């Protein structure tokens, strides 16, 4: 029986759905090897049946590297749609580790992610995989999805080699910088050596105070606190913030917007830790940004009132603004010396506003914030008077800045 006819007969058995025919067809097609690949890749796209796809995947995984290359070529050429490509590129074993690492270097982001996903699944301690991570930093500047998961999975093995690569005089400068970026992404500043930490600190000092237009805008949703520039230092104790350190606006905003990290404590197995950013003095006010549940709490209304009153005791005055266009919430509070002096709330079609004082500030968050303190959307657009620099602080006393993974823009 010639190859073409023999493969065609076995493909019919593979498609039959009969376990007694499928199992031997898988073995015999795998034995045909590369000769079976054209018909296999043509047949696999015939329908979306999961058992049928599993049978084809079993054959391809047994064939190994030649099948990997054929699936990838079919995906690149458009002969294999994304549904099948994603599932088939998941099935190969350690024999294809080098191909997964090469795929992780691909300029096509989706294909690159398939490569990292394969390395992650196999837990391959691959020098090519390490170089792919470095290359991702050089090209993209950050990690998402499988690349970051692979780095964390291989961290203990990769960290020492990345430090060596940072110091390797034979390595190109972009490669050394990429290795440095991977170290910070995986282990924060604590992953760096003393010299590199010093260089990062020096760069931060040079960039202070930075571009004030990079404060968060209020489009769609936002929340923030405002306190007087002259008394802002009280906000650290009032909010339970620790280890304040100078930071650029770009880095402060990125850190404050990042998700909390789970760091269990003896009293709380699910404890989350995050960072808060206090801006430079902007027209006499400092704004505070961070994770709402970490700095304010879960009981939105009561916690907002308690927070703004507590901060006003420490700083003399404080305002809390909360706006969510999608949810229909538009709320702000103003307190002085621990007492609420004015508030506004509009949720859906309901609106409540203090109206006893004819000179009171009126309107929602975007109308009121500029009258009460500073409008973030206007910072740097109009002539904003800036003094000092921003501060980045941590919501727990037992965790320094260096333990937060991830790259921050400077």
Protein backbone atom coordinates (compact mmCIF):
# COMPACT_ATOMS: atom_id res chain seq x y z
CA UNK A 1 0.00 0.00 0.00
CA UNK A 2 1.45 3.34 -1.04
CA UNK A 3 1.88 6.14 1.47
CA UNK A 4 -0.98 8.29 0.23
CA UNK A 5 -3.52 5.47 0.26
CA UNK A 6 -2.28 4.06 3.55
CA UNK A 7 -2.53 7.40 5.32
CA UNK A 8 -5.99 8.03 3.82
CA UNK A 9 -7.26 4.70 5.21
CA UNK A 10 -5.84 5.46 8.65
CA UNK A 11 -7.33 8.98 8.61
CA UNK A 12 -10.77 7.42 8.07
CA UNK A 13 -10.17 5.22 11.08
CA UNK A 14 -9.02 8.23 13.07
CA UNK A 15 -12.23 10.07 12.13
CA UNK A 16 -14.50 7.13 12.93
CA UNK A 17 -14.92 7.85 16.63
CA UNK A 18 -14.68 4.12 17.29
CA UNK A 19 -12.07 3.59 20.03
CA UNK A 20 -11.17 0.18 18.62
CA UNK A 21 -10.26 1.82 15.29
CA UNK A 22 -8.89 5.12 16.63
CA UNK A 23 -6.23 3.69 18.97
CA UNK A 24 -4.39 1.58 16.38
CA UNK A 25 -4.77 4.38 13.79
CA UNK A 26 -2.99 6.77 16.15
CA UNK A 27 -0.07 4.39 16.56
CA UNK A 28 0.24 3.56 12.86
CA UNK A 29 -0.04 7.20 11.72
CA UNK A 30 2.64 8.17 14.25
CA UNK A 31 4.83 5.46 12.74
CA UNK A 32 4.35 7.01 9.27
CA UNK A 33 5.86 10.17 10.80
CA UNK A 34 6.47 13.14 8.51
CA UNK A 35 4.87 11.34 5.58
CA UNK A 36 1.48 11.56 7.32
CA UNK A 37 1.66 15.27 8.17
CA UNK A 38 0.10 16.81 5.03
CA UNK A 39 -3.05 14.69 5.29
CA UNK A 40 -3.23 15.11 9.07
CA UNK A 41 -3.13 18.90 8.88
CA UNK A 42 -5.69 18.91 6.07
CA UNK A 43 -8.02 16.60 7.97
CA UNK A 44 -7.80 18.15 11.42
CA UNK A 45 -9.71 21.27 10.35
CA UNK A 46 -12.70 19.33 9.05
CA UNK A 47 -14.76 19.83 12.21
CA UNK A 48 -14.48 21.05 15.82
CA UNK A 49 -15.21 17.79 17.65
CA UNK A 50 -13.12 17.65 20.83
CA UNK A 51 -12.60 13.84 20.80
CA UNK A 52 -11.59 14.01 17.15
CA UNK A 53 -9.14 16.88 17.81
CA UNK A 54 -7.68 14.91 20.71
CA UNK A 55 -6.99 11.97 18.40
CA UNK A 56 -5.17 14.16 15.89
CA UNK A 57 -3.23 15.87 18.70
CA UNK A 58 -2.15 12.47 19.99
CA UNK A 59 -0.71 11.55 16.59
CA UNK A 60 1.08 14.88 16.19
CA UNK A 61 2.58 14.78 19.68
CA UNK A 62 3.98 11.32 18.98
CA UNK A 63 5.59 12.52 15.73
CA UNK A 64 7.21 15.32 17.72
CA UNK A 65 9.43 18.13 16.32
CA UNK A 66 8.54 17.69 12.60
CA UNK A 67 4.87 17.91 13.52
CA UNK A 68 5.50 21.02 15.65
CA UNK A 69 7.16 22.71 12.66
CA UNK A 70 4.32 21.66 10.36
CA UNK A 71 1.61 22.98 12.70
CA UNK A 72 3.48 26.25 13.09
CA UNK A 73 3.97 26.63 9.33
CA UNK A 74 0.27 25.91 8.71
CA UNK A 75 -0.67 28.49 11.32
CA UNK A 76 1.61 31.14 9.80
CA UNK A 77 0.32 30.38 6.31
CA UNK A 78 -3.33 30.60 7.28
CA UNK A 79 -4.08 26.94 6.50
CA UNK A 80 -4.80 26.28 10.19
CA UNK A 81 -7.06 28.68 12.03
CA UNK A 82 -6.35 29.99 15.51
CA UNK A 83 -8.70 27.59 17.30
CA UNK A 84 -6.77 24.54 16.09
CA UNK A 85 -3.33 26.17 16.28
CA UNK A 86 -3.77 27.10 19.94
CA UNK A 87 -4.81 23.58 20.90
CA UNK A 88 -2.27 21.73 18.80
CA UNK A 89 0.67 23.86 19.92
CA UNK A 90 -0.10 22.79 23.49
CA UNK A 91 0.48 19.08 23.04
CA UNK A 92 4.19 18.63 22.33
CA UNK A 93 6.68 17.24 24.83
CA UNK A 94 10.28 17.96 25.90
CA UNK A 95 11.62 17.05 22.45
CA UNK A 96 10.18 20.38 21.25
CA UNK A 97 11.56 22.52 24.09
CA UNK A 98 13.97 24.26 21.73
CA UNK A 99 11.17 25.03 19.30
CA UNK A 100 9.01 26.46 22.09
CA UNK A 101 11.93 28.68 23.12
CA UNK A 102 12.46 29.80 19.52
CA UNK A 103 8.74 30.52 19.21
CA UNK A 104 8.91 32.65 22.38
CA UNK A 105 11.27 34.95 20.45
CA UNK A 106 8.80 35.39 17.59
CA UNK A 107 7.89 38.98 16.70
CA UNK A 108 4.24 37.94 16.47
CA UNK A 109 3.02 38.47 20.05
CA UNK A 110 0.37 35.73 19.93
CA UNK A 111 2.83 33.13 18.62
CA UNK A 112 5.40 34.27 21.17
CA UNK A 113 2.88 33.62 23.92
CA UNK A 114 2.36 30.06 22.64
CA UNK A 115 6.11 29.55 23.01
CA UNK A 116 6.16 30.77 26.60
CA UNK A 117 3.07 28.69 27.39
CA UNK A 118 4.88 25.58 26.15
CA UNK A 119 7.99 26.34 28.20
CA UNK A 120 5.80 26.94 31.24
CA UNK A 121 3.90 23.68 30.79
CA UNK A 122 7.11 21.69 30.45
CA UNK A 123 8.93 23.67 33.21
CA UNK A 124 11.95 23.72 30.90
CA UNK A 125 15.11 25.19 32.44
CA UNK A 126 16.23 26.50 29.08
CA UNK A 127 18.97 28.98 28.31
CA UNK A 128 17.02 29.84 25.16
CA UNK A 129 13.93 30.39 27.32
CA UNK A 130 15.87 32.76 29.57
CA UNK A 131 17.10 34.69 26.54
CA UNK A 132 13.52 34.85 25.25
CA UNK A 133 12.48 36.55 28.50
CA UNK A 134 15.32 39.06 28.15
CA UNK A 135 14.31 39.68 24.56
CA UNK A 136 10.67 40.26 25.63
CA UNK A 137 11.82 43.08 27.91
CA UNK A 138 13.99 44.62 25.19
CA UNK A 139 11.17 44.50 22.62
CA UNK A 140 8.01 45.05 24.66
CA UNK A 141 9.16 46.46 28.00
CA UNK A 142 6.86 44.38 30.21
CA UNK A 143 5.46 40.91 30.82
CA UNK A 144 1.92 39.67 30.61
CA UNK A 145 0.37 36.21 30.66
CA UNK A 146 2.50 33.14 29.99
CA UNK A 147 5.84 35.00 29.85
CA UNK A 148 5.44 36.32 33.38
CA UNK A 149 4.17 32.97 34.63
CA UNK A 150 7.18 31.22 33.11
CA UNK A 151 9.57 33.68 34.74
CA UNK A 152 7.99 33.12 38.15
CA UNK A 153 8.03 29.36 37.71
CA UNK A 154 11.75 29.35 36.84
CA UNK A 155 12.79 32.23 39.11
CA UNK A 156 15.09 30.32 41.47
CA UNK A 157 17.09 28.95 38.55
CA UNK A 158 17.08 32.07 36.38
CA UNK A 159 17.82 34.81 38.95
CA UNK A 160 21.53 33.99 39.50
CA UNK A 161 22.14 33.65 35.75
CA UNK A 162 20.36 36.93 35.06
CA UNK A 163 22.62 38.70 37.57
CA UNK A 164 25.65 37.25 35.79
CA UNK A 165 24.27 38.41 32.45
CA UNK A 166 23.83 41.95 33.81
CA UNK A 167 27.56 42.03 34.61
CA UNK A 168 28.78 40.22 31.49
CA UNK A 169 31.00 42.69 29.56
CA UNK A 170 30.71 40.54 26.45
CA UNK A 171 26.91 40.95 26.35
CA UNK A 172 25.40 43.75 24.29
CA UNK A 173 24.06 46.71 26.24
CA UNK A 174 20.40 46.01 25.31
CA UNK A 175 20.83 42.44 26.53
CA UNK A 176 22.28 43.58 29.87
CA UNK A 177 19.46 46.08 30.27
CA UNK A 178 16.93 43.40 29.37
CA UNK A 179 18.39 41.06 31.99
CA UNK A 180 18.12 43.87 34.52
CA UNK A 181 14.48 44.37 33.55
CA UNK A 182 13.72 40.66 33.95
CA UNK A 183 15.28 40.71 37.42
CA UNK A 184 13.11 43.62 38.51
CA UNK A 185 10.03 42.04 36.93
CA UNK A 186 10.56 38.78 38.77
CA UNK A 187 11.83 39.91 42.15
CA UNK A 188 11.56 43.68 42.47
CA UNK A 189 14.49 45.90 43.43
CA UNK A 190 15.60 43.37 46.06
CA UNK A 191 16.62 41.06 43.21
CA UNK A 192 19.29 43.52 42.08
CA UNK A 193 22.84 43.76 43.29
CA UNK A 194 23.97 46.76 45.33
CA UNK A 195 25.48 48.56 42.34
CA UNK A 196 22.35 48.22 40.21
CA UNK A 197 20.10 49.34 43.05
CA UNK A 198 22.27 52.43 43.49
CA UNK A 199 22.01 53.22 39.77
CA UNK A 200 18.21 52.92 39.86
CA UNK A 201 18.03 55.24 42.87
CA UNK A 202 20.28 57.75 41.11
CA UNK A 203 18.08 57.67 38.01
CA UNK A 204 14.98 58.33 40.11
CA UNK A 205 16.64 61.35 41.69
CA UNK A 206 17.54 62.75 38.28
CA UNK A 207 13.94 62.35 37.01
CA UNK A 208 12.22 64.05 40.00
CA UNK A 209 9.65 65.65 39.94
CA UNK A 210 8.83 64.55 36.40
CA UNK A 211 5.92 65.34 34.10
CA UNK A 212 2.88 66.39 36.14
CA UNK A 213 0.56 65.68 33.21
CA UNK A 214 1.00 61.99 33.97
CA UNK A 215 -1.21 62.06 37.07
CA UNK A 216 -4.22 59.75 36.56
CA UNK A 217 -7.17 61.21 34.69
CA UNK A 218 -10.76 60.79 35.86
CA UNK A 219 -12.20 59.27 32.70
CA UNK A 220 -14.64 56.39 33.28
CA UNK A 221 -13.70 55.85 36.92
CA UNK A 222 -11.31 57.13 39.54
CA UNK A 223 -10.91 57.85 43.22
CA UNK A 224 -8.41 59.99 45.10
CA UNK A 225 -7.80 62.01 48.24
CA UNK A 226 -6.67 65.63 48.39
CA UNK A 227 -4.82 67.15 51.36
CA UNK A 228 -3.09 70.52 51.88
CA UNK A 229 0.50 70.64 50.69
CA UNK A 230 1.63 72.26 53.94
CA UNK A 231 0.34 69.44 56.16
CA UNK A 232 0.43 66.43 53.84
CA UNK A 233 2.88 64.42 55.95
CA UNK A 234 0.04 63.51 58.31
CA UNK A 235 -1.52 61.39 55.56
CA UNK A 236 1.10 58.64 55.98
CA UNK A 237 0.14 57.82 59.56
CA UNK A 238 -3.57 58.45 58.96
CA UNK A 239 -3.71 55.90 56.14
CA UNK A 240 -1.27 53.41 57.70
CA UNK A 241 1.40 53.98 55.07
CA UNK A 242 5.03 53.01 55.62
CA UNK A 243 8.49 53.43 54.08
CA UNK A 244 7.81 56.59 52.02
CA UNK A 245 10.45 57.15 49.38
CA UNK A 246 10.89 59.73 46.60
CA UNK A 247 9.45 58.65 43.28
CA UNK A 248 8.75 60.05 39.84
CA UNK A 249 5.14 60.68 38.89
CA UNK A 250 5.21 58.00 36.17
CA UNK A 251 6.51 55.35 38.58
CA UNK A 252 4.23 56.45 41.42
CA UNK A 253 1.09 56.24 39.30
CA UNK A 254 2.04 52.84 37.86
CA UNK A 255 2.77 51.42 41.33
CA UNK A 256 -0.41 52.82 42.87
CA UNK A 257 -2.56 51.43 40.04
CA UNK A 258 -1.01 47.94 40.28
CA UNK A 259 -2.96 45.15 41.95
CA UNK A 260 -2.26 44.29 45.56
CA UNK A 261 0.05 41.32 46.17
CA UNK A 262 -0.94 38.57 48.57
CA UNK A 263 1.46 38.42 51.52
CA UNK A 264 -0.04 36.26 54.33
CA UNK A 265 0.54 37.30 57.94
CA UNK A 266 0.02 35.35 61.17
CA UNK A 267 -3.27 37.20 61.69
CA UNK A 268 -4.51 37.22 58.09
CA UNK A 269 -3.82 34.42 55.64
CA UNK A 270 -5.34 36.45 52.79
CA UNK A 271 -3.64 39.76 53.54
CA UNK A 272 -3.07 41.99 50.52
CA UNK A 273 -0.31 44.61 50.35
CA UNK A 274 -0.21 47.51 47.90
CA UNK A 275 1.39 50.90 47.42
CA UNK A 276 0.07 54.46 47.55
CA UNK A 277 1.33 57.46 45.60
CA UNK A 278 1.36 60.98 47.05
CA UNK A 279 1.91 63.55 44.30
CA UNK A 280 4.20 66.57 44.44
CA UNK A 281 2.60 69.77 45.73
CA UNK A 282 0.21 70.90 42.96
CA UNK A 283 -1.09 74.44 43.47
CA UNK A 284 -0.87 73.96 47.21
CA UNK A 285 -2.44 70.46 47.37
CA UNK A 286 -1.17 66.90 47.36
CA UNK A 287 -3.26 64.12 45.81
CA UNK A 288 -3.20 60.52 47.03
CA UNK A 289 -3.84 57.56 44.70
CA UNK A 290 -3.89 53.84 45.41
CA UNK A 291 -5.99 50.71 45.75
CA UNK A 292 -9.40 51.65 47.19
CA UNK A 293 -9.92 48.57 49.36
CA UNK A 294 -6.40 48.85 50.76
CA UNK A 295 -6.59 52.53 51.70
CA UNK A 296 -10.31 53.02 52.33
CA UNK A 297 -12.04 49.67 52.83
CA UNK A 298 -14.81 47.39 51.59
CA UNK A 299 -17.82 49.18 53.10
CA UNK A 300 -17.80 51.94 50.51
CA UNK A 301 -20.01 54.67 52.02
CA UNK A 302 -19.16 54.31 55.72
CA UNK A 303 -15.47 53.70 55.05
CA UNK A 304 -15.23 56.75 52.79
CA UNK A 305 -16.70 58.99 55.49
CA UNK A 306 -14.50 57.52 58.20
CA UNK A 307 -11.38 57.80 56.03
CA UNK A 308 -11.82 61.42 54.98
CA UNK A 309 -12.61 62.49 58.54
CA UNK A 310 -9.59 60.63 59.91
CA UNK A 311 -7.26 62.13 57.31
CA UNK A 312 -8.64 65.62 58.00
CA UNK A 313 -7.69 65.25 61.66
CA UNK A 314 -4.09 64.57 60.64
CA UNK A 315 -3.90 67.16 57.84
CA UNK A 316 -6.44 69.79 58.90
CA UNK A 317 -8.45 69.41 55.70
CA UNK A 318 -9.16 66.51 53.37
CA UNK A 319 -11.40 65.65 50.46
CA UNK A 320 -12.25 62.26 49.00
CA UNK A 321 -13.51 61.96 45.43
CA UNK A 322 -15.09 58.85 43.88
CA UNK A 323 -16.50 58.69 40.36
CA UNK A 324 -17.63 55.68 38.32
CA UNK A 325 -19.34 56.52 35.04
CA UNK A 326 -20.20 52.90 34.27
CA UNK A 327 -21.78 52.32 37.67
CA UNK A 328 -23.42 55.74 37.85
CA UNK A 329 -21.64 56.81 41.05
CA UNK A 330 -20.51 60.42 41.57
CA UNK A 331 -19.54 61.08 45.21
CA UNK A 332 -17.32 63.49 47.11
CA UNK A 333 -16.72 64.47 50.72
CA UNK A 334 -14.96 67.46 52.30
CA UNK A 335 -13.89 67.39 55.95
CA UNK A 336 -12.03 69.75 58.28
CA UNK A 337 -10.43 68.85 61.61
CA UNK A 338 -12.28 65.56 61.77
CA UNK A 339 -15.76 66.89 60.90
CA UNK A 340 -17.64 66.57 57.61
CA UNK A 341 -18.36 70.04 56.22
CA UNK A 342 -19.89 69.16 52.86
CA UNK A 343 -20.75 66.13 50.76
CA UNK A 344 -22.37 65.23 47.48
CA UNK A 345 -23.68 61.91 46.19
CA UNK A 346 -25.37 60.97 42.94
CA UNK A 347 -25.99 57.32 42.13
CA UNK A 348 -28.16 56.48 39.14
CA UNK A 349 -31.09 58.89 39.18
CA UNK A 350 -30.73 59.78 42.86
CA UNK A 351 -28.90 62.91 43.95
CA UNK A 352 -28.18 64.22 47.43
CA UNK A 353 -26.35 67.46 48.14
CA UNK A 354 -25.81 69.76 51.13
CA UNK A 355 -27.75 72.90 50.20
CA UNK A 356 -28.00 74.86 53.43
CA UNK A 357 -25.04 77.12 52.59
CA UNK A 358 -25.67 79.22 49.46
CA UNK A 359 -21.90 79.59 48.98
CA UNK A 360 -21.26 75.86 49.16
CA UNK A 361 -19.55 74.12 46.27
CA UNK A 362 -22.06 72.40 44.01
CA UNK A 363 -21.99 69.74 41.34
CA UNK A 364 -20.38 66.34 40.95
CA UNK A 365 -16.76 65.28 41.27
CA UNK A 366 -15.50 66.79 38.03
CA UNK A 367 -17.14 70.14 38.73
CA UNK A 368 -16.26 70.32 42.42
CA UNK A 369 -12.68 69.04 42.66
CA UNK A 370 -11.14 72.10 41.04
CA UNK A 371 -13.04 74.44 43.38
CA UNK A 372 -12.24 72.44 46.50
CA UNK A 373 -8.59 71.65 45.72
CA UNK A 374 -7.10 70.46 42.39
CA UNK A 375 -8.70 69.04 39.25
CA UNK A 376 -6.41 66.15 38.10
CA UNK A 377 -7.58 66.58 34.51
CA UNK A 378 -6.32 70.18 34.50
CA UNK A 379 -2.93 69.53 36.12
CA UNK A 380 -0.27 70.58 33.64
CA UNK A 381 -2.87 71.76 31.14
CA UNK A 382 -3.21 75.09 32.91
CA UNK A 383 -0.21 76.69 34.63
CA UNK A 384 0.23 74.38 37.61
CA UNK A 385 2.61 75.50 40.35
CA UNK A 386 4.63 72.44 41.39
CA UNK A 387 6.74 72.10 44.52
CA UNK A 388 8.72 69.11 45.76
CA UNK A 389 8.44 65.58 44.48
CA UNK A 390 6.13 62.62 44.83
CA UNK A 391 6.28 59.87 47.45
CA UNK A 392 5.57 56.15 47.18
CA UNK A 393 4.59 54.31 50.35
CA UNK A 394 3.61 50.75 51.31
CA UNK A 395 0.44 49.68 53.14
CA UNK A 396 2.26 47.37 55.59
CA UNK A 397 5.24 47.96 57.89
CA UNK A 398 6.85 44.58 57.30
CA UNK A 399 7.27 44.76 53.52
CA UNK A 400 9.70 47.07 51.75
CA UNK A 401 9.46 48.42 48.23
CA UNK A 402 11.96 45.98 46.81
CA UNK A 403 9.69 42.96 47.16
CA UNK A 404 7.04 44.16 44.70
CA UNK A 405 7.58 42.43 41.34
CA UNK A 406 7.21 44.25 38.07
CA UNK A 407 8.82 47.04 36.10
CA UNK A 408 7.93 50.66 36.79
CA UNK A 409 8.45 53.50 34.32
CA UNK A 410 10.89 56.13 35.54
